Amino acid sequence: MFEILQIPALSDNYIYIIIDKKTNKTACVDPAVSDAVLALLEKKKLKLNYIFNTHHHHDHIGGNLEIKKKTNCKILGPEKDLKRIPGIDIPLKNNDEFALGNINFKIFEVPGHTSGHICFYSENAKLLFCGDVLFSLGCGRVFEGTNNQMWSSLLKIRSLPDSTNVYCGHEYTKSNILFALSLDPENKKLLNKKNEVENLLRDGKFTIPFNLGKEKKLNPFLNSDNKNFQKMLGVSDYSSQRTFDYVRKKKDLF
């Protein structure tokens, strides 16, 4: 058994606290800020053991050092970002494994948004913490890597089981679904998803986590090799990579 606590931060970030209920081992994923994390730990009477960092952007690591100072936790982060993420104790690379109590995580390197970006995937808990690589109905901007790297990273995530619950770094679902509908305005599943998202947000609820199986059917970026999707876009002669490039450019300008 495990529990995940979700903390909204800054304008649209999410910070996560993972608790393995049997061992009480606890980790914080991508702490943008320290105060909200420390307050929740105190309120819930939790001892923090680890911080998991997916990438070096400040809105994912801003709370690292203050939280480490107050809790004496260990920080896990990408080996490639040792010089850019403060306080890393346990550097991680592709296919490394790490156990948080009974929750077993495997590390995937997923460059594109940043060159050193990693994901934390647990097969036994059906969890994926993917930072800013995949969003509900979208994907991260390509800042340091290449579009080729980003498409490869998304394919790696897409290959995971449909039952996987995805926890990403931001609440971007509303704007992402508007973009998806600009590409495919008559898609009934997207229109239904839009209503669902609007209802959740109106009620003050989160649209994250999301189910990967459902995401595979709706996310335009995950369908860059889908022949029907390419035909609908009018790019039937494009390769999957060129289709991804095309959709990513349209989103950047949206």
C-alpha atoms as a PDB file:
ATOM      1  CA  MET A   1       0.000   0.000   0.000  1.00  0.00           C
ATOM      2  CA  PHE A   2       1.123   3.517  -0.744  1.00  0.00           C
ATOM      3  CA  GLU A   3      -0.237   7.043  -0.669  1.00  0.00           C
ATOM      4  CA  ILE A   4       0.558  10.019  -2.884  1.00  0.00           C
ATOM      5  CA  LEU A   5      -0.050  13.542  -1.617  1.00  0.00           C
ATOM      6  CA  GLN A   6      -0.250  16.274  -4.230  1.00  0.00           C
ATOM      7  CA  ILE A   7       0.876  19.848  -3.530  1.00  0.00           C
ATOM      8  CA  PRO A   8       0.097  22.650  -5.993  1.00  0.00           C
ATOM      9  CA  ALA A   9       2.921  25.211  -6.094  1.00  0.00           C
ATOM     10  CA  LEU A  10       3.881  28.415  -7.906  1.00  0.00           C
ATOM     11  CA  SER A  11       1.424  29.116 -10.737  1.00  0.00           C
ATOM     12  CA  ASP A  12       0.888  25.606 -12.113  1.00  0.00           C
ATOM     13  CA  ASN A  13       3.474  23.192 -10.632  1.00  0.00           C
ATOM     14  CA  TYR A  14       2.769  19.963  -8.802  1.00  0.00           C
ATOM     15  CA  ILE A  15       4.956  18.550  -6.028  1.00  0.00           C
ATOM     16  CA  TYR A  16       4.324  14.980  -4.900  1.00  0.00           C
ATOM     17  CA  ILE A  17       4.890  13.187  -1.600  1.00  0.00           C
ATOM     18  CA  ILE A  18       5.050   9.381  -1.937  1.00  0.00           C
ATOM     19  CA  ILE A  19       4.551   7.313   1.209  1.00  0.00           C
ATOM     20  CA  ASP A  20       5.111   3.564   1.373  1.00  0.00           C
ATOM     21  CA  LYS A  21       2.564   2.705   4.058  1.00  0.00           C
ATOM     22  CA  LYS A  22       4.186  -0.521   5.215  1.00  0.00           C
ATOM     23  CA  THR A  23       7.665   0.877   5.849  1.00  0.00           C
ATOM     24  CA  ASN A  24       6.792   4.601   6.218  1.00  0.00           C
ATOM     25  CA  LYS A  25       9.562   5.441   3.766  1.00  0.00           C
ATOM     26  CA  THR A  26       8.742   8.782   2.171  1.00  0.00           C
ATOM     27  CA  ALA A  27       9.962  10.737  -0.860  1.00  0.00           C
ATOM     28  CA  CYS A  28       9.209  14.148  -2.327  1.00  0.00           C
ATOM     29  CA  VAL A  29       9.175  14.508  -6.117  1.00  0.00           C
ATOM     30  CA  ASP A  30      10.418  17.769  -7.685  1.00  0.00           C
ATOM     31  CA  PRO A  31      10.016  20.232  -4.799  1.00  0.00           C
ATOM     32  CA  ALA A  32       9.614  23.608  -6.481  1.00  0.00           C
ATOM     33  CA  VAL A  33       9.399  25.253  -3.057  1.00  0.00           C
ATOM     34  CA  SER A  34      10.253  24.204   0.482  1.00  0.00           C
ATOM     35  CA  ASP A  35       7.636  25.850   2.713  1.00  0.00           C
ATOM     36  CA  ALA A  36       4.598  23.951   1.456  1.00  0.00           C
ATOM     37  CA  VAL A  37       6.469  20.636   1.601  1.00  0.00           C
ATOM     38  CA  LEU A  38       7.770  21.187   5.127  1.00  0.00           C
ATOM     39  CA  ALA A  39       4.335  22.316   6.315  1.00  0.00           C
ATOM     40  CA  LEU A  40       2.665  19.193   4.945  1.00  0.00           C
ATOM     41  CA  LEU A  41       5.318  16.910   6.426  1.00  0.00           C
ATOM     42  CA  GLU A  42       4.748  18.515   9.821  1.00  0.00           C
ATOM     43  CA  LYS A  43       0.982  18.355   9.527  1.00  0.00           C
ATOM     44  CA  LYS A  44       1.036  14.666   8.568  1.00  0.00           C
ATOM     45  CA  LYS A  45       3.863  13.881  11.029  1.00  0.00           C
ATOM     46  CA  LEU A  46       5.974  12.392   8.246  1.00  0.00           C
ATOM     47  CA  LYS A  47       9.718  11.898   8.163  1.00  0.00           C
ATOM     48  CA  LEU A  48      11.097  12.606   4.683  1.00  0.00           C
ATOM     49  CA  ASN A  49      13.749  10.144   3.508  1.00  0.00           C
ATOM     50  CA  TYR A  50      14.370  11.228  -0.078  1.00  0.00           C
ATOM     51  CA  ILE A  51      13.893  13.884  -2.720  1.00  0.00           C
ATOM     52  CA  PHE A  52      13.471  12.678  -6.313  1.00  0.00           C
ATOM     53  CA  ASN A  53      14.484  15.224  -8.970  1.00  0.00           C
ATOM     54  CA  THR A  54      13.580  14.635 -12.623  1.00  0.00           C
ATOM     55  CA  HIS A  55      15.523  17.581 -14.093  1.00  0.00           C
ATOM     56  CA  HIS A  56      17.424  20.717 -13.209  1.00  0.00           C
ATOM     57  CA  HIS A  57      14.874  23.495 -13.840  1.00  0.00           C
ATOM     58  CA  HIS A  58      14.436  25.718 -10.797  1.00  0.00           C
ATOM     59  CA  ASP A  59      10.691  25.108 -10.575  1.00  0.00           C
ATOM     60  CA  HIS A  60      11.508  21.459  -9.843  1.00  0.00           C
ATOM     61  CA  ILE A  61      14.492  21.817  -7.493  1.00  0.00           C
ATOM     62  CA  GLY A  62      13.948  25.178  -5.784  1.00  0.00           C
ATOM     63  CA  GLY A  63      13.142  23.586  -2.431  1.00  0.00           C
ATOM     64  CA  ASN A  64      15.959  21.027  -2.445  1.00  0.00           C
ATOM     65  CA  LEU A  65      18.502  22.512  -0.078  1.00  0.00           C
ATOM     66  CA  GLU A  66      16.119  23.954   2.509  1.00  0.00           C
ATOM     67  CA  ILE A  67      14.183  20.675   2.697  1.00  0.00           C
ATOM     68  CA  LYS A  68      17.421  18.692   2.946  1.00  0.00           C
ATOM     69  CA  LYS A  69      18.660  21.009   5.687  1.00  0.00           C
ATOM     70  CA  LYS A  70      15.464  20.605   7.724  1.00  0.00           C
ATOM     71  CA  THR A  71      14.889  16.860   7.171  1.00  0.00           C
ATOM     72  CA  ASN A  72      18.363  15.412   6.538  1.00  0.00           C
ATOM     73  CA  CYS A  73      16.935  13.545   3.543  1.00  0.00           C
ATOM     74  CA  LYS A  74      18.955  12.236   0.600  1.00  0.00           C
ATOM     75  CA  ILE A  75      18.546  13.734  -2.865  1.00  0.00           C
ATOM     76  CA  LEU A  76      18.311  11.550  -5.973  1.00  0.00           C
ATOM     77  CA  GLY A  77      18.745  13.092  -9.396  1.00  0.00           C
ATOM     78  CA  PRO A  78      20.165  12.580 -12.876  1.00  0.00           C
ATOM     79  CA  GLU A  79      23.863  11.833 -12.986  1.00  0.00           C
ATOM     80  CA  LYS A  80      24.146  14.114 -16.026  1.00  0.00           C
ATOM     81  CA  ASP A  81      22.952  17.054 -13.917  1.00  0.00           C
ATOM     82  CA  LEU A  82      25.275  16.673 -10.938  1.00  0.00           C
ATOM     83  CA  LYS A  83      26.625  20.162 -11.549  1.00  0.00           C
ATOM     84  CA  ARG A  84      23.193  21.715 -12.073  1.00  0.00           C
ATOM     85  CA  ILE A  85      21.076  20.206  -9.282  1.00  0.00           C
ATOM     86  CA  PRO A  86      22.078  21.214  -5.759  1.00  0.00           C
ATOM     87  CA  GLY A  87      22.654  18.542  -3.139  1.00  0.00           C
ATOM     88  CA  ILE A  88      22.471  15.291  -5.129  1.00  0.00           C
ATOM     89  CA  ASP A  89      23.572  12.368  -2.945  1.00  0.00           C
ATOM     90  CA  ILE A  90      22.537   9.508  -5.214  1.00  0.00           C
ATOM     91  CA  PRO A  91      23.137  10.131  -8.951  1.00  0.00           C
ATOM     92  CA  LEU A  92      20.976   8.079 -11.314  1.00  0.00           C
ATOM     93  CA  LYS A  93      21.398   6.921 -14.895  1.00  0.00           C
ATOM     94  CA  ASN A  94      19.360   4.904 -17.386  1.00  0.00           C
ATOM     95  CA  ASN A  95      18.046   1.542 -16.070  1.00  0.00           C
ATOM     96  CA  ASP A  96      19.190   2.178 -12.497  1.00  0.00           C
ATOM     97  CA  GLU A  97      16.806   0.860  -9.863  1.00  0.00           C
ATOM     98  CA  PHE A  98      15.810   2.267  -6.498  1.00  0.00           C
ATOM     99  CA  ALA A  99      13.432   1.021  -3.821  1.00  0.00           C
ATOM    100  CA  LEU A 100      11.312   3.309  -1.676  1.00  0.00           C
ATOM    101  CA  GLY A 101      10.260   0.748   0.875  1.00  0.00           C
ATOM    102  CA  ASN A 102       8.213  -1.749  -1.149  1.00  0.00           C
ATOM    103  CA  ILE A 103       7.859   0.533  -4.161  1.00  0.00           C
ATOM    104  CA  ASN A 104      10.457  -0.410  -6.760  1.00  0.00           C
ATOM    105  CA  PHE A 105      11.451   2.299  -9.215  1.00  0.00           C
ATOM    106  CA  LYS A 106      13.319   1.995 -12.486  1.00  0.00           C
ATOM    107  CA  ILE A 107      15.026   5.049 -13.947  1.00  0.00           C
ATOM    108  CA  PHE A 108      14.654   6.051 -17.592  1.00  0.00           C
ATOM    109  CA  GLU A 109      16.736   8.732 -19.252  1.00  0.00           C
ATOM    110  CA  VAL A 110      14.310  10.797 -21.327  1.00  0.00           C
ATOM    111  CA  PRO A 111      16.196  13.740 -22.900  1.00  0.00           C
ATOM    112  CA  GLY A 112      14.472  16.409 -24.932  1.00  0.00           C
ATOM    113  CA  HIS A 113      13.008  18.958 -22.543  1.00  0.00           C
ATOM    114  CA  THR A 114      16.445  19.012 -20.911  1.00  0.00           C
ATOM    115  CA  SER A 115      19.514  16.983 -21.790  1.00  0.00           C
ATOM    116  CA  GLY A 116      19.652  15.175 -18.437  1.00  0.00           C
ATOM    117  CA  HIS A 117      15.946  14.559 -17.798  1.00  0.00           C
ATOM    118  CA  ILE A 118      14.948  11.278 -16.097  1.00  0.00           C
ATOM    119  CA  CYS A 119      11.680   9.548 -15.158  1.00  0.00           C
ATOM    120  CA  PHE A 120      10.898   7.395 -12.124  1.00  0.00           C
ATOM    121  CA  TYR A 121       8.797   4.361 -13.111  1.00  0.00           C
ATOM    122  CA  SER A 122       7.348   1.733 -10.764  1.00  0.00           C
ATOM    123  CA  GLU A 123       5.923  -1.349 -12.431  1.00  0.00           C
ATOM    124  CA  ASN A 124       4.638  -2.875  -9.198  1.00  0.00           C
ATOM    125  CA  ALA A 125       2.885   0.335  -8.099  1.00  0.00           C
ATOM    126  CA  LYS A 126       1.867   1.318 -11.674  1.00  0.00           C
ATOM    127  CA  LEU A 127       3.354   4.803 -11.247  1.00  0.00           C
ATOM    128  CA  LEU A 128       5.313   7.128 -13.478  1.00  0.00           C
ATOM    129  CA  PHE A 129       6.784  10.432 -12.338  1.00  0.00           C
ATOM    130  CA  CYS A 130       7.766  12.037 -15.620  1.00  0.00           C
ATOM    131  CA  GLY A 131       8.541  15.666 -14.775  1.00  0.00           C
ATOM    132  CA  ASP A 132       8.138  17.786 -17.898  1.00  0.00           C
ATOM    133  CA  VAL A 133       8.430  15.141 -20.636  1.00  0.00           C
ATOM    134  CA  LEU A 134       4.790  14.073 -20.979  1.00  0.00           C
ATOM    135  CA  PHE A 135       1.763  16.113 -19.922  1.00  0.00           C
ATOM    136  CA  SER A 136      -1.906  15.292 -20.128  1.00  0.00           C
ATOM    137  CA  LEU A 137      -2.701  15.931 -23.825  1.00  0.00           C
ATOM    138  CA  GLY A 138       0.749  17.441 -24.391  1.00  0.00           C
ATOM    139  CA  CYS A 139       4.505  17.155 -23.990  1.00  0.00           C
ATOM    140  CA  GLY A 140       7.307  19.374 -22.784  1.00  0.00           C
ATOM    141  CA  ARG A 141       8.959  22.059 -24.868  1.00  0.00           C
ATOM    142  CA  VAL A 142      12.268  21.018 -26.369  1.00  0.00           C
ATOM    143  CA  PHE A 143      14.811  23.305 -24.707  1.00  0.00           C
ATOM    144  CA  GLU A 144      18.167  21.509 -24.540  1.00  0.00           C
ATOM    145  CA  GLY A 145      17.706  18.304 -26.481  1.00  0.00           C
ATOM    146  CA  THR A 146      16.439  17.695 -29.992  1.00  0.00           C
ATOM    147  CA  ASN A 147      13.034  16.838 -31.399  1.00  0.00           C
ATOM    148  CA  ASN A 148      14.449  13.409 -32.272  1.00  0.00           C
ATOM    149  CA  GLN A 149      15.374  12.843 -28.644  1.00  0.00           C
ATOM    150  CA  MET A 150      11.967  14.021 -27.444  1.00  0.00           C
ATOM    151  CA  TRP A 151      10.099  11.716 -29.810  1.00  0.00           C
ATOM    152  CA  SER A 152      12.284   8.791 -28.709  1.00  0.00           C
ATOM    153  CA  SER A 153      11.635   9.659 -25.058  1.00  0.00           C
ATOM    154  CA  LEU A 154       7.886   9.752 -25.649  1.00  0.00           C
ATOM    155  CA  LEU A 155       8.021   6.376 -27.400  1.00  0.00           C
ATOM    156  CA  LYS A 156       9.807   4.968 -24.354  1.00  0.00           C
ATOM    157  CA  ILE A 157       7.007   6.215 -22.134  1.00  0.00           C
ATOM    158  CA  ARG A 158       4.321   5.075 -24.589  1.00  0.00           C
ATOM    159  CA  SER A 159       5.692   1.527 -24.401  1.00  0.00           C
ATOM    160  CA  LEU A 160       4.772   1.285 -20.700  1.00  0.00           C
ATOM    161  CA  PRO A 161       1.594  -0.580 -19.666  1.00  0.00           C
ATOM    162  CA  ASP A 162      -1.769   1.093 -20.217  1.00  0.00           C
ATOM    163  CA  SER A 163      -2.522   0.735 -16.497  1.00  0.00           C
ATOM    164  CA  THR A 164       0.259   3.171 -15.580  1.00  0.00           C
ATOM    165  CA  ASN A 165      -0.805   6.276 -13.643  1.00  0.00           C
ATOM    166  CA  VAL A 166       1.174   9.297 -14.801  1.00  0.00           C
ATOM    167  CA  TYR A 167       2.186  12.139 -12.491  1.00  0.00           C
ATOM    168  CA  CYS A 168       3.626  15.077 -14.430  1.00  0.00           C
ATOM    169  CA  GLY A 169       5.072  18.377 -13.274  1.00  0.00           C
ATOM    170  CA  HIS A 170       2.401  20.878 -14.311  1.00  0.00           C
ATOM    171  CA  GLU A 171      -1.317  21.550 -14.611  1.00  0.00           C
ATOM    172  CA  TYR A 172      -1.384  22.262 -18.345  1.00  0.00           C
ATOM    173  CA  THR A 173      -4.328  20.061 -19.302  1.00  0.00           C
ATOM    174  CA  LYS A 174      -6.831  22.808 -20.127  1.00  0.00           C
ATOM    175  CA  SER A 175      -4.551  24.589 -22.601  1.00  0.00           C
ATOM    176  CA  ASN A 176      -3.265  21.307 -24.026  1.00  0.00           C
ATOM    177  CA  ILE A 177      -6.747  20.061 -24.807  1.00  0.00           C
ATOM    178  CA  LEU A 178      -7.577  23.312 -26.602  1.00  0.00           C
ATOM    179  CA  PHE A 179      -4.542  22.742 -28.807  1.00  0.00           C
ATOM    180  CA  ALA A 180      -5.495  19.098 -29.436  1.00  0.00           C
ATOM    181  CA  LEU A 181      -8.969  20.249 -30.477  1.00  0.00           C
ATOM    182  CA  SER A 182      -7.478  22.855 -32.817  1.00  0.00           C
ATOM    183  CA  LEU A 183      -5.960  19.922 -34.708  1.00  0.00           C
ATOM    184  CA  ASP A 184      -8.996  17.653 -34.503  1.00  0.00           C
ATOM    185  CA  PRO A 185     -12.065  19.752 -33.631  1.00  0.00           C
ATOM    186  CA  GLU A 186     -14.666  17.036 -34.307  1.00  0.00           C
ATOM    187  CA  ASN A 187     -13.049  14.387 -32.090  1.00  0.00           C
ATOM    188  CA  LYS A 188     -15.837  13.310 -29.723  1.00  0.00           C
ATOM    189  CA  LYS A 189     -13.451  11.734 -27.209  1.00  0.00           C
ATOM    190  CA  LEU A 190     -11.477  14.987 -27.006  1.00  0.00           C
ATOM    191  CA  LEU A 191     -14.699  16.994 -26.606  1.00  0.00           C
ATOM    192  CA  ASN A 192     -15.782  14.681 -23.787  1.00  0.00           C
ATOM    193  CA  LYS A 193     -12.343  15.048 -22.212  1.00  0.00           C
ATOM    194  CA  LYS A 194     -12.661  18.842 -22.431  1.00  0.00           C
ATOM    195  CA  ASN A 195     -15.930  18.720 -20.480  1.00  0.00           C
ATOM    196  CA  GLU A 196     -14.387  16.382 -17.914  1.00  0.00           C
ATOM    197  CA  VAL A 197     -11.360  18.664 -17.439  1.00  0.00           C
ATOM    198  CA  GLU A 198     -13.478  21.809 -17.163  1.00  0.00           C
ATOM    199  CA  ASN A 199     -15.665  20.156 -14.500  1.00  0.00           C
ATOM    200  CA  LEU A 200     -12.650  19.028 -12.471  1.00  0.00           C
ATOM    201  CA  LEU A 201     -11.010  22.458 -12.554  1.00  0.00           C
ATOM    202  CA  ARG A 202     -14.281  24.240 -11.777  1.00  0.00           C
ATOM    203  CA  ASP A 203     -14.622  22.054  -8.671  1.00  0.00           C
ATOM    204  CA  GLY A 204     -11.071  22.866  -7.580  1.00  0.00           C
ATOM    205  CA  LYS A 205      -9.784  19.376  -8.369  1.00  0.00           C
ATOM    206  CA  PHE A 206      -6.648  18.197 -10.203  1.00  0.00           C
ATOM    207  CA  THR A 207      -6.560  16.743 -13.725  1.00  0.00           C
ATOM    208  CA  ILE A 208      -3.379  14.878 -12.737  1.00  0.00           C
ATOM    209  CA  PRO A 209      -2.629  11.973 -12.443  1.00  0.00           C
ATOM    210  CA  PHE A 210      -3.880  10.560 -15.727  1.00  0.00           C
ATOM    211  CA  ASN A 211      -4.124   7.061 -17.135  1.00  0.00           C
ATOM    212  CA  LEU A 212      -1.491   6.260 -19.759  1.00  0.00           C
ATOM    213  CA  GLY A 213      -3.744   3.918 -21.749  1.00  0.00           C
ATOM    214  CA  LYS A 214      -6.326   6.653 -22.304  1.00  0.00           C
ATOM    215  CA  GLU A 215      -3.567   9.161 -22.999  1.00  0.00           C
ATOM    216  CA  LYS A 216      -2.162   7.041 -25.819  1.00  0.00           C
ATOM    217  CA  LYS A 217      -5.461   7.437 -27.690  1.00  0.00           C
ATOM    218  CA  LEU A 218      -5.868  11.194 -27.252  1.00  0.00           C
ATOM    219  CA  ASN A 219      -2.472  12.879 -26.981  1.00  0.00           C
ATOM    220  CA  PRO A 220      -1.469  14.262 -30.416  1.00  0.00           C
ATOM    221  CA  PHE A 221       2.237  13.959 -29.658  1.00  0.00           C
ATOM    222  CA  LEU A 222       1.908  10.240 -28.880  1.00  0.00           C
ATOM    223  CA  ASN A 223       0.170   9.700 -32.222  1.00  0.00           C
ATOM    224  CA  SER A 224       2.817  11.085 -34.560  1.00  0.00           C
ATOM    225  CA  ASP A 225       3.160   7.649 -36.169  1.00  0.00           C
ATOM    226  CA  ASN A 226      -0.600   7.075 -36.414  1.00  0.00           C
ATOM    227  CA  LYS A 227      -1.551   6.927 -40.105  1.00  0.00           C
ATOM    228  CA  ASN A 228      -5.114   8.100 -39.487  1.00  0.00           C
ATOM    229  CA  PHE A 229      -3.853  11.046 -37.452  1.00  0.00           C
ATOM    230  CA  GLN A 230      -1.344  11.946 -40.166  1.00  0.00           C
ATOM    231  CA  LYS A 231      -4.079  11.756 -42.805  1.00  0.00           C
ATOM    232  CA  MET A 232      -6.357  13.990 -40.731  1.00  0.00           C
ATOM    233  CA  LEU A 233      -3.516  16.554 -40.468  1.00  0.00           C
ATOM    234  CA  GLY A 234      -2.879  16.346 -44.211  1.00  0.00           C
ATOM    235  CA  VAL A 235       0.672  15.029 -43.773  1.00  0.00           C
ATOM    236  CA  SER A 236       0.259  11.415 -44.894  1.00  0.00           C
ATOM    237  CA  ASP A 237       3.632  11.465 -46.632  1.00  0.00           C
ATOM    238  CA  TYR A 238       5.493  12.539 -43.478  1.00  0.00           C
ATOM    239  CA  SER A 239       7.619  10.227 -41.343  1.00  0.00           C
ATOM    240  CA  SER A 240       6.633   9.897 -37.697  1.00  0.00           C
ATOM    241  CA  GLN A 241       9.542  12.140 -36.727  1.00  0.00           C
ATOM    242  CA  ARG A 242       8.562  14.829 -39.229  1.00  0.00           C
ATOM    243  CA  THR A 243       4.979  14.627 -38.008  1.00  0.00           C
ATOM    244  CA  PHE A 244       6.152  15.128 -34.429  1.00  0.00           C
ATOM    245  CA  ASP A 245       8.253  18.116 -35.560  1.00  0.00           C
ATOM    246  CA  TYR A 246       5.196  19.551 -37.326  1.00  0.00           C
ATOM    247  CA  VAL A 247       2.899  19.174 -34.300  1.00  0.00           C
ATOM    248  CA  ARG A 248       5.527  20.458 -31.864  1.00  0.00           C
ATOM    249  CA  LYS A 249       6.071  23.582 -33.970  1.00  0.00           C
ATOM    250  CA  LYS A 250       2.337  24.234 -34.153  1.00  0.00           C
ATOM    251  CA  LYS A 251       2.074  23.898 -30.369  1.00  0.00           C
ATOM    252  CA  ASP A 252       5.009  26.261 -29.830  1.00  0.00           C
ATOM    253  CA  LEU A 253       3.127  28.869 -31.866  1.00  0.00           C
ATOM    254  CA  PHE A 254      -0.317  28.128 -30.402  1.00  0.00           C
END
